[in-house]
Structure formats: C-alpha cells, structure tokens
Amino acid sequence: MERPELSLLVQILCLIFTAFYSVINYKKIKSCLLFAILVMLFANIFGQIIIAGGGPSAFVGWIILPLYGAIVALGAVYITRLVKKIRKSDK
C-alpha cells in the first residue's frame, strides 16, 4: 500500500471511529463534536503529515478534516436520535 492510500485509510478509520463514538454518546452532542474535531486533527497530523509527508493537502486538512468529522458526528447523533424516537413511538 502506498503512502497516500495509507493516509486515506487512517482518515476513513478515524471517521468510522467518530461515528461509533457519536452513536454511543448521542445524548452529549458537544462531547461528540469535540471528539470528532480532535480525532480528525489527529488524522491530519498522523495521516497527512507523518505518513504522506505533508504538503498542500495537509494544510487544507487542518480545516476540512475536522469539518468532515463534525458532519459525521452530527449525522450519527441525529440519526441515532431519530431511530430512538421511532422505536419509542412504536411501543
């Protein structure tokens, strides 16, 4: 596996980890957002800078990756809340 693909794998795994954390802690939205931002900053540092060697994509990753993480976290929280509400109303 080449360095860019390995960097992408790290980023995708961090997004999946963020989604799982958000599903588990769906009642604490601020905690989910903070966790998502921190994990995606780690993904940028480790994936883009250390593995892939930096460059323009690492610079853009300081803004884009935490934004993607926040979007995934919010989506997971709201989908989990919607599923819980639907299950509660079916009883």
C-alpha atoms as a PDB file:
ATOM      1  CA  MET A   1       0.000   0.000   0.000  1.00  0.00           C
ATOM      2  CA  GLU A   2       1.386   3.388  -0.988  1.00  0.00           C
ATOM      3  CA  ARG A   3       1.633   6.335   1.372  1.00  0.00           C
ATOM      4  CA  PRO A   4      -1.385   8.310   0.037  1.00  0.00           C
ATOM      5  CA  GLU A   5      -3.616   5.237   0.282  1.00  0.00           C
ATOM      6  CA  LEU A   6      -2.414   4.536   3.809  1.00  0.00           C
ATOM      7  CA  SER A   7      -3.152   8.145   4.753  1.00  0.00           C
ATOM      8  CA  LEU A   8      -6.655   7.825   3.313  1.00  0.00           C
ATOM      9  CA  LEU A   9      -7.162   4.610   5.277  1.00  0.00           C
ATOM     10  CA  VAL A  10      -6.223   6.422   8.513  1.00  0.00           C
ATOM     11  CA  GLN A  11      -8.708   9.198   7.725  1.00  0.00           C
ATOM     12  CA  ILE A  12     -11.538   6.778   6.919  1.00  0.00           C
ATOM     13  CA  LEU A  13     -10.891   4.749  10.071  1.00  0.00           C
ATOM     14  CA  CYS A  14     -10.970   7.940  12.138  1.00  0.00           C
ATOM     15  CA  LEU A  15     -14.309   8.918  10.555  1.00  0.00           C
ATOM     16  CA  ILE A  16     -15.738   5.479  11.361  1.00  0.00           C
ATOM     17  CA  PHE A  17     -14.407   5.727  14.925  1.00  0.00           C
ATOM     18  CA  THR A  18     -16.042   9.168  15.227  1.00  0.00           C
ATOM     19  CA  ALA A  19     -19.365   7.779  14.013  1.00  0.00           C
ATOM     20  CA  PHE A  20     -19.271   4.905  16.523  1.00  0.00           C
ATOM     21  CA  TYR A  21     -18.419   7.269  19.371  1.00  0.00           C
ATOM     22  CA  SER A  22     -21.279   9.561  18.364  1.00  0.00           C
ATOM     23  CA  VAL A  23     -23.767   6.695  18.242  1.00  0.00           C
ATOM     24  CA  ILE A  24     -22.734   5.577  21.723  1.00  0.00           C
ATOM     25  CA  ASN A  25     -22.814   9.102  23.229  1.00  0.00           C
ATOM     26  CA  TYR A  26     -25.701  10.544  21.219  1.00  0.00           C
ATOM     27  CA  LYS A  27     -27.068  12.492  24.203  1.00  0.00           C
ATOM     28  CA  LYS A  28     -23.887  14.592  24.564  1.00  0.00           C
ATOM     29  CA  ILE A  29     -23.668  16.500  21.289  1.00  0.00           C
ATOM     30  CA  LYS A  30     -20.904  18.882  22.407  1.00  0.00           C
ATOM     31  CA  SER A  31     -18.775  15.962  23.525  1.00  0.00           C
ATOM     32  CA  CYS A  32     -19.306  14.269  20.159  1.00  0.00           C
ATOM     33  CA  LEU A  33     -18.302  17.396  18.255  1.00  0.00           C
ATOM     34  CA  LEU A  34     -15.191  17.956  20.344  1.00  0.00           C
ATOM     35  CA  PHE A  35     -14.205  14.312  19.990  1.00  0.00           C
ATOM     36  CA  ALA A  36     -14.741  14.441  16.221  1.00  0.00           C
ATOM     37  CA  ILE A  37     -12.607  17.554  15.833  1.00  0.00           C
ATOM     38  CA  LEU A  38      -9.775  16.144  17.950  1.00  0.00           C
ATOM     39  CA  VAL A  39      -9.789  12.761  16.215  1.00  0.00           C
ATOM     40  CA  MET A  40      -9.741  14.341  12.780  1.00  0.00           C
ATOM     41  CA  LEU A  41      -6.925  16.681  13.778  1.00  0.00           C
ATOM     42  CA  PHE A  42      -5.036  13.556  14.829  1.00  0.00           C
ATOM     43  CA  ALA A  43      -5.888  12.008  11.449  1.00  0.00           C
ATOM     44  CA  ASN A  44      -4.438  15.062   9.727  1.00  0.00           C
ATOM     45  CA  ILE A  45      -1.259  15.043  11.793  1.00  0.00           C
ATOM     46  CA  PHE A  46      -0.681  11.317  11.568  1.00  0.00           C
ATOM     47  CA  GLY A  47      -2.126  10.597   8.135  1.00  0.00           C
ATOM     48  CA  GLN A  48      -1.290  13.655   6.107  1.00  0.00           C
ATOM     49  CA  ILE A  49       1.864  14.949   7.761  1.00  0.00           C
ATOM     50  CA  ILE A  50       3.660  11.867   9.124  1.00  0.00           C
ATOM     51  CA  ILE A  51       2.593   9.169   6.649  1.00  0.00           C
ATOM     52  CA  ALA A  52       2.031  11.140   3.431  1.00  0.00           C
ATOM     53  CA  GLY A  53       4.766  13.703   4.049  1.00  0.00           C
ATOM     54  CA  GLY A  54       2.774  16.931   4.346  1.00  0.00           C
ATOM     55  CA  GLY A  55       2.293  19.379   1.514  1.00  0.00           C
ATOM     56  CA  PRO A  56      -0.776  21.340   0.426  1.00  0.00           C
ATOM     57  CA  SER A  57      -3.191  18.553   1.335  1.00  0.00           C
ATOM     58  CA  ALA A  58      -2.003  18.631   4.953  1.00  0.00           C
ATOM     59  CA  PHE A  59      -2.579  22.387   5.066  1.00  0.00           C
ATOM     60  CA  VAL A  60      -6.121  22.029   3.730  1.00  0.00           C
ATOM     61  CA  GLY A  61      -6.682  19.131   6.128  1.00  0.00           C
ATOM     62  CA  TRP A  62      -6.466  21.448   9.143  1.00  0.00           C
ATOM     63  CA  ILE A  63      -9.902  22.836   8.193  1.00  0.00           C
ATOM     64  CA  ILE A  64     -11.543  20.185   6.022  1.00  0.00           C
ATOM     65  CA  LEU A  65     -10.912  17.061   8.102  1.00  0.00           C
ATOM     66  CA  PRO A  66     -12.328  18.461  11.380  1.00  0.00           C
ATOM     67  CA  LEU A  67     -15.296  19.753   9.364  1.00  0.00           C
ATOM     68  CA  TYR A  68     -15.879  16.281   7.910  1.00  0.00           C
ATOM     69  CA  GLY A  69     -15.593  14.804  11.393  1.00  0.00           C
ATOM     70  CA  ALA A  70     -18.148  17.264  12.776  1.00  0.00           C
ATOM     71  CA  ILE A  71     -20.553  16.491   9.916  1.00  0.00           C
ATOM     72  CA  VAL A  72     -20.209  12.739  10.519  1.00  0.00           C
ATOM     73  CA  ALA A  73     -20.685  13.201  14.276  1.00  0.00           C
ATOM     74  CA  LEU A  74     -23.787  15.367  13.858  1.00  0.00           C
ATOM     75  CA  GLY A  75     -25.224  12.969  11.308  1.00  0.00           C
ATOM     76  CA  ALA A  76     -24.658   9.979  13.572  1.00  0.00           C
ATOM     77  CA  VAL A  77     -26.182  11.780  16.574  1.00  0.00           C
ATOM     78  CA  TYR A  78     -29.297  12.893  14.704  1.00  0.00           C
ATOM     79  CA  ILE A  79     -29.816   9.524  13.009  1.00  0.00           C
ATOM     80  CA  THR A  80     -29.461   7.765  16.372  1.00  0.00           C
ATOM     81  CA  ARG A  81     -31.928  10.170  17.979  1.00  0.00           C
ATOM     82  CA  LEU A  82     -34.373   9.631  15.120  1.00  0.00           C
ATOM     83  CA  VAL A  83     -34.123   5.842  15.424  1.00  0.00           C
ATOM     84  CA  LYS A  84     -34.609   6.024  19.204  1.00  0.00           C
ATOM     85  CA  LYS A  85     -37.666   8.260  18.744  1.00  0.00           C
ATOM     86  CA  ILE A  86     -39.180   5.924  16.121  1.00  0.00           C
ATOM     87  CA  ARG A  87     -38.570   2.876  18.300  1.00  0.00           C
ATOM     88  CA  LYS A  88     -40.084   4.640  21.300  1.00  0.00           C
ATOM     89  CA  SER A  89     -43.211   5.625  19.370  1.00  0.00           C
ATOM     90  CA  ASP A  90     -43.719   2.069  18.063  1.00  0.00           C
ATOM     91  CA  LYS A  91     -44.089   0.653  21.587  1.00  0.00           C
END
